[in-house]
Amino acid sequence: MSLQDHVNKQTANKDTARQAIFEAIEEQAKNLQDYGDAKAAAEGLRNLAEAAAWLIHPAQSH
């Protein structure tokens, strides 16, 4: 595998992970609308936001 192929694969994996997290955030936000007082739903949304932050800005402390 060439270096460029490796870079392209890593980029695609990162984009796939980012899209999956954003979709999960949307779904969790919908759940919060229905169950706004559910502590577990709010915690799940916070965890997903943290995961998104790590993907977008991995060098920053979170």
PDB file of N, CA and C in Angstrom:
ATOM      1  N   MET A   1       0.860  -1.168   0.000  1.00  0.00           N
ATOM      2  CA  MET A   1       0.000   0.000   0.000  1.00  0.00           C
ATOM      3  C   MET A   1       0.910   1.235   0.000  1.00  0.00           C
ATOM      4  N   SER A   2       0.608   2.151  -0.885  1.00  0.00           N
ATOM      5  CA  SER A   2       1.413   3.368  -0.936  1.00  0.00           C
ATOM      6  C   SER A   2       1.037   4.292   0.221  1.00  0.00           C
ATOM      7  N   LEU A   3       1.895   5.262   0.455  1.00  0.00           N
ATOM      8  CA  LEU A   3       1.625   6.230   1.511  1.00  0.00           C
ATOM      9  C   LEU A   3       0.325   6.978   1.232  1.00  0.00           C
ATOM     10  N   GLN A   4       0.119   7.360  -0.019  1.00  0.00           N
ATOM     11  CA  GLN A   4      -1.106   8.094  -0.368  1.00  0.00           C
ATOM     12  C   GLN A   4      -2.342   7.222  -0.155  1.00  0.00           C
ATOM     13  N   ASP A   5      -2.245   5.936  -0.498  1.00  0.00           N
ATOM     14  CA  ASP A   5      -3.364   5.028  -0.249  1.00  0.00           C
ATOM     15  C   ASP A   5      -3.669   4.937   1.241  1.00  0.00           C
ATOM     16  N   HIS A   6      -2.619   4.871   2.044  1.00  0.00           N
ATOM     17  CA  HIS A   6      -2.794   4.816   3.503  1.00  0.00           C
ATOM     18  C   HIS A   6      -3.465   6.090   4.012  1.00  0.00           C
ATOM     19  N   VAL A   7      -3.008   7.237   3.532  1.00  0.00           N
ATOM     20  CA  VAL A   7      -3.591   8.514   3.948  1.00  0.00           C
ATOM     21  C   VAL A   7      -5.057   8.578   3.530  1.00  0.00           C
ATOM     22  N   ASN A   8      -5.342   8.157   2.314  1.00  0.00           N
ATOM     23  CA  ASN A   8      -6.726   8.182   1.829  1.00  0.00           C
ATOM     24  C   ASN A   8      -7.620   7.274   2.667  1.00  0.00           C
ATOM     25  N   LYS A   9      -7.115   6.096   3.034  1.00  0.00           N
ATOM     26  CA  LYS A   9      -7.890   5.168   3.855  1.00  0.00           C
ATOM     27  C   LYS A   9      -8.143   5.753   5.235  1.00  0.00           C
ATOM     28  N   GLN A  10      -7.116   6.333   5.842  1.00  0.00           N
ATOM     29  CA  GLN A  10      -7.276   6.929   7.167  1.00  0.00           C
ATOM     30  C   GLN A  10      -8.268   8.083   7.139  1.00  0.00           C
ATOM     31  N   THR A  11      -8.196   8.901   6.095  1.00  0.00           N
ATOM     32  CA  THR A  11      -9.128  10.028   5.954  1.00  0.00           C
ATOM     33  C   THR A  11     -10.555   9.528   5.803  1.00  0.00           C
ATOM     34  N   ALA A  12     -10.732   8.487   4.985  1.00  0.00           N
ATOM     35  CA  ALA A  12     -12.070   7.930   4.790  1.00  0.00           C
ATOM     36  C   ALA A  12     -12.612   7.363   6.097  1.00  0.00           C
ATOM     37  N   ASN A  13     -11.756   6.666   6.867  1.00  0.00           N
ATOM     38  CA  ASN A  13     -12.192   6.122   8.152  1.00  0.00           C
ATOM     39  C   ASN A  13     -12.594   7.237   9.110  1.00  0.00           C
ATOM     40  N   LYS A  14     -11.833   8.310   9.135  1.00  0.00           N
ATOM     41  CA  LYS A  14     -12.147   9.440  10.014  1.00  0.00           C
ATOM     42  C   LYS A  14     -13.471  10.075   9.600  1.00  0.00           C
ATOM     43  N   ASP A  15     -13.664  10.242   8.294  1.00  0.00           N
ATOM     44  CA  ASP A  15     -14.918  10.830   7.807  1.00  0.00           C
ATOM     45  C   ASP A  15     -16.107   9.936   8.137  1.00  0.00           C
ATOM     46  N   THR A  16     -15.931   8.638   8.010  1.00  0.00           N
ATOM     47  CA  THR A  16     -17.000   7.697   8.338  1.00  0.00           C
ATOM     48  C   THR A  16     -17.335   7.763   9.825  1.00  0.00           C
ATOM     49  N   ALA A  17     -16.319   7.798  10.658  1.00  0.00           N
ATOM     50  CA  ALA A  17     -16.543   7.893  12.103  1.00  0.00           C
ATOM     51  C   ALA A  17     -17.243   9.196  12.458  1.00  0.00           C
ATOM     52  N   ARG A  18     -16.791  10.283  11.853  1.00  0.00           N
ATOM     53  CA  ARG A  18     -17.396  11.587  12.126  1.00  0.00           C
ATOM     54  C   ARG A  18     -18.871  11.580  11.738  1.00  0.00           C
ATOM     55  N   GLN A  19     -19.186  11.036  10.560  1.00  0.00           N
ATOM     56  CA  GLN A  19     -20.580  10.996  10.106  1.00  0.00           C
ATOM     57  C   GLN A  19     -21.428  10.141  11.046  1.00  0.00           C
ATOM     58  N   ALA A  20     -20.891   9.015  11.488  1.00  0.00           N
ATOM     59  CA  ALA A  20     -21.638   8.144  12.402  1.00  0.00           C
ATOM     60  C   ALA A  20     -21.919   8.849  13.728  1.00  0.00           C
ATOM     61  N   ILE A  21     -20.936   9.581  14.227  1.00  0.00           N
ATOM     62  CA  ILE A  21     -21.134  10.305  15.488  1.00  0.00           C
ATOM     63  C   ILE A  21     -22.162  11.416  15.311  1.00  0.00           C
ATOM     64  N   PHE A  22     -22.090  12.149  14.210  1.00  0.00           N
ATOM     65  CA  PHE A  22     -23.066  13.217  13.992  1.00  0.00           C
ATOM     66  C   PHE A  22     -24.481  12.656  13.869  1.00  0.00           C
ATOM     67  N   GLU A  23     -24.619  11.514  13.212  1.00  0.00           N
ATOM     68  CA  GLU A  23     -25.945  10.892  13.106  1.00  0.00           C
ATOM     69  C   GLU A  23     -26.439  10.447  14.477  1.00  0.00           C
ATOM     70  N   ALA A  24     -25.537   9.919  15.284  1.00  0.00           N
ATOM     71  CA  ALA A  24     -25.919   9.503  16.638  1.00  0.00           C
ATOM     72  C   ALA A  24     -26.307  10.715  17.487  1.00  0.00           C
ATOM     73  N   ILE A  25     -25.614  11.834  17.311  1.00  0.00           N
ATOM     74  CA  ILE A  25     -25.956  13.059  18.039  1.00  0.00           C
ATOM     75  C   ILE A  25     -27.358  13.515  17.657  1.00  0.00           C
ATOM     76  N   GLU A  26     -27.662  13.490  16.379  1.00  0.00           N
ATOM     77  CA  GLU A  26     -29.014  13.875  15.938  1.00  0.00           C
ATOM     78  C   GLU A  26     -30.072  12.990  16.578  1.00  0.00           C
ATOM     79  N   GLU A  27     -29.832  11.689  16.575  1.00  0.00           N
ATOM     80  CA  GLU A  27     -30.797  10.755  17.152  1.00  0.00           C
ATOM     81  C   GLU A  27     -30.945  10.977  18.658  1.00  0.00           C
ATOM     82  N   GLN A  28     -29.830  11.185  19.337  1.00  0.00           N
ATOM     83  CA  GLN A  28     -29.884  11.408  20.780  1.00  0.00           C
ATOM     84  C   GLN A  28     -30.596  12.721  21.102  1.00  0.00           C
ATOM     85  N   ALA A  29     -30.377  13.745  20.283  1.00  0.00           N
ATOM     86  CA  ALA A  29     -31.059  15.026  20.497  1.00  0.00           C
ATOM     87  C   ALA A  29     -32.567  14.862  20.333  1.00  0.00           C
ATOM     88  N   LYS A  30     -32.988  14.048  19.384  1.00  0.00           N
ATOM     89  CA  LYS A  30     -34.417  13.776  19.216  1.00  0.00           C
ATOM     90  C   LYS A  30     -34.973  13.088  20.463  1.00  0.00           C
ATOM     91  N   ASN A  31     -34.182  12.159  21.019  1.00  0.00           N
ATOM     92  CA  ASN A  31     -34.621  11.483  22.243  1.00  0.00           C
ATOM     93  C   ASN A  31     -34.773  12.467  23.392  1.00  0.00           C
ATOM     94  N   LEU A  32     -33.890  13.445  23.479  1.00  0.00           N
ATOM     95  CA  LEU A  32     -33.993  14.439  24.546  1.00  0.00           C
ATOM     96  C   LEU A  32     -35.243  15.290  24.413  1.00  0.00           C
ATOM     97  N   GLN A  33     -35.669  15.526  23.180  1.00  0.00           N
ATOM     98  CA  GLN A  33     -36.902  16.294  22.992  1.00  0.00           C
ATOM     99  C   GLN A  33     -38.089  15.539  23.583  1.00  0.00           C
ATOM    100  N   ASP A  34     -38.070  14.211  23.437  1.00  0.00           N
ATOM    101  CA  ASP A  34     -39.166  13.401  23.959  1.00  0.00           C
ATOM    102  C   ASP A  34     -39.029  13.132  25.458  1.00  0.00           C
ATOM    103  N   TYR A  35     -37.785  13.066  25.933  1.00  0.00           N
ATOM    104  CA  TYR A  35     -37.528  12.713  27.326  1.00  0.00           C
ATOM    105  C   TYR A  35     -36.524  13.695  27.918  1.00  0.00           C
ATOM    106  N   GLY A  36     -36.879  14.948  27.943  1.00  0.00           N
ATOM    107  CA  GLY A  36     -35.975  16.006  28.368  1.00  0.00           C
ATOM    108  C   GLY A  36     -35.432  15.862  29.776  1.00  0.00           C
ATOM    109  N   ASP A  37     -36.118  15.127  30.614  1.00  0.00           N
ATOM    110  CA  ASP A  37     -35.649  14.981  31.985  1.00  0.00           C
ATOM    111  C   ASP A  37     -34.841  13.694  32.191  1.00  0.00           C
ATOM    112  N   ALA A  38     -34.574  12.976  31.102  1.00  0.00           N
ATOM    113  CA  ALA A  38     -33.857  11.713  31.224  1.00  0.00           C
ATOM    114  C   ALA A  38     -32.357  11.970  31.338  1.00  0.00           C
ATOM    115  N   LYS A  39     -31.823  11.688  32.506  1.00  0.00           N
ATOM    116  CA  LYS A  39     -30.401  11.929  32.757  1.00  0.00           C
ATOM    117  C   LYS A  39     -29.523  11.099  31.817  1.00  0.00           C
ATOM    118  N   ALA A  40     -29.912   9.875  31.546  1.00  0.00           N
ATOM    119  CA  ALA A  40     -29.112   9.003  30.683  1.00  0.00           C
ATOM    120  C   ALA A  40     -29.048   9.549  29.257  1.00  0.00           C
ATOM    121  N   ALA A  41     -30.145  10.098  28.759  1.00  0.00           N
ATOM    122  CA  ALA A  41     -30.152  10.652  27.409  1.00  0.00           C
ATOM    123  C   ALA A  41     -29.245  11.874  27.323  1.00  0.00           C
ATOM    124  N   ALA A  42     -29.271  12.703  28.346  1.00  0.00           N
ATOM    125  CA  ALA A  42     -28.405  13.883  28.369  1.00  0.00           C
ATOM    126  C   ALA A  42     -26.935  13.483  28.470  1.00  0.00           C
ATOM    127  N   GLU A  43     -26.652  12.491  29.268  1.00  0.00           N
ATOM    128  CA  GLU A  43     -25.280  12.002  29.411  1.00  0.00           C
ATOM    129  C   GLU A  43     -24.781  11.403  28.097  1.00  0.00           C
ATOM    130  N   GLY A  44     -25.636  10.670  27.426  1.00  0.00           N
ATOM    131  CA  GLY A  44     -25.272  10.100  26.127  1.00  0.00           C
ATOM    132  C   GLY A  44     -24.956  11.177  25.109  1.00  0.00           C
ATOM    133  N   LEU A  45     -25.748  12.229  25.102  1.00  0.00           N
ATOM    134  CA  LEU A  45     -25.503  13.337  24.177  1.00  0.00           C
ATOM    135  C   LEU A  45     -24.181  14.026  24.501  1.00  0.00           C
ATOM    136  N   ARG A  46     -23.887  14.197  25.770  1.00  0.00           N
ATOM    137  CA  ARG A  46     -22.614  14.807  26.169  1.00  0.00           C
ATOM    138  C   ARG A  46     -21.441  13.946  25.718  1.00  0.00           C
ATOM    139  N   ASN A  47     -21.558  12.645  25.881  1.00  0.00           N
ATOM    140  CA  ASN A  47     -20.487  11.738  25.467  1.00  0.00           C
ATOM    141  C   ASN A  47     -20.277  11.770  23.963  1.00  0.00           C
ATOM    142  N   LEU A  48     -21.354  11.841  23.207  1.00  0.00           N
ATOM    143  CA  LEU A  48     -21.233  11.919  21.747  1.00  0.00           C
ATOM    144  C   LEU A  48     -20.591  13.236  21.316  1.00  0.00           C
ATOM    145  N   ALA A  49     -20.944  14.315  21.989  1.00  0.00           N
ATOM    146  CA  ALA A  49     -20.332  15.606  21.673  1.00  0.00           C
ATOM    147  C   ALA A  49     -18.837  15.582  21.969  1.00  0.00           C
ATOM    148  N   GLU A  50     -18.462  14.928  23.036  1.00  0.00           N
ATOM    149  CA  GLU A  50     -17.050  14.790  23.380  1.00  0.00           C
ATOM    150  C   GLU A  50     -16.306  13.978  22.323  1.00  0.00           C
ATOM    151  N   ALA A  51     -16.926  12.919  21.852  1.00  0.00           N
ATOM    152  CA  ALA A  51     -16.312  12.108  20.792  1.00  0.00           C
ATOM    153  C   ALA A  51     -16.144  12.921  19.514  1.00  0.00           C
ATOM    154  N   ALA A  52     -17.129  13.724  19.190  1.00  0.00           N
ATOM    155  CA  ALA A  52     -17.031  14.578  18.005  1.00  0.00           C
ATOM    156  C   ALA A  52     -15.900  15.582  18.168  1.00  0.00           C
ATOM    157  N   ALA A  53     -15.761  16.145  19.344  1.00  0.00           N
ATOM    158  CA  ALA A  53     -14.684  17.110  19.587  1.00  0.00           C
ATOM    159  C   ALA A  53     -13.322  16.468  19.402  1.00  0.00           C
ATOM    160  N   TRP A  54     -13.156  15.228  19.858  1.00  0.00           N
ATOM    161  CA  TRP A  54     -11.880  14.526  19.689  1.00  0.00           C
ATOM    162  C   TRP A  54     -11.581  14.286  18.215  1.00  0.00           C
ATOM    163  N   LEU A  55     -12.610  13.977  17.423  1.00  0.00           N
ATOM    164  CA  LEU A  55     -12.390  13.758  15.988  1.00  0.00           C
ATOM    165  C   LEU A  55     -12.047  15.045  15.261  1.00  0.00           C
ATOM    166  N   ILE A  56     -12.703  16.112  15.632  1.00  0.00           N
ATOM    167  CA  ILE A  56     -12.527  17.377  14.910  1.00  0.00           C
ATOM    168  C   ILE A  56     -11.237  18.073  15.316  1.00  0.00           C
ATOM    169  N   HIS A  57     -10.938  18.077  16.624  1.00  0.00           N
ATOM    170  CA  HIS A  57      -9.740  18.766  17.138  1.00  0.00           C
ATOM    171  C   HIS A  57      -8.981  17.835  18.088  1.00  0.00           C
ATOM    172  N   PRO A  58      -8.323  16.797  17.548  1.00  0.00           N
ATOM    173  CA  PRO A  58      -7.695  15.810  18.415  1.00  0.00           C
ATOM    174  C   PRO A  58      -6.535  16.352  19.255  1.00  0.00           C
ATOM    175  N   ALA A  59      -5.909  17.417  18.822  1.00  0.00           N
ATOM    176  CA  ALA A  59      -4.751  17.930  19.562  1.00  0.00           C
ATOM    177  C   ALA A  59      -5.134  18.778  20.773  1.00  0.00           C
ATOM    178  N   GLN A  60      -6.374  19.205  20.847  1.00  0.00           N
ATOM    179  CA  GLN A  60      -6.811  20.038  21.970  1.00  0.00           C
ATOM    180  C   GLN A  60      -7.254  19.166  23.136  1.00  0.00           C
ATOM    181  N   SER A  61      -7.063  19.663  24.325  1.00  0.00           N
ATOM    182  CA  SER A  61      -7.545  18.923  25.489  1.00  0.00           C
ATOM    183  C   SER A  61      -9.068  19.040  25.548  1.00  0.00           C
ATOM    184  N   HIS A  62      -9.705  17.970  25.985  1.00  0.00           N
ATOM    185  CA  HIS A  62     -11.176  17.950  26.042  1.00  0.00           C
ATOM    186  C   HIS A  62     -11.617  17.507  27.408  1.00  0.00           C
TER     187      HIS A  62
END
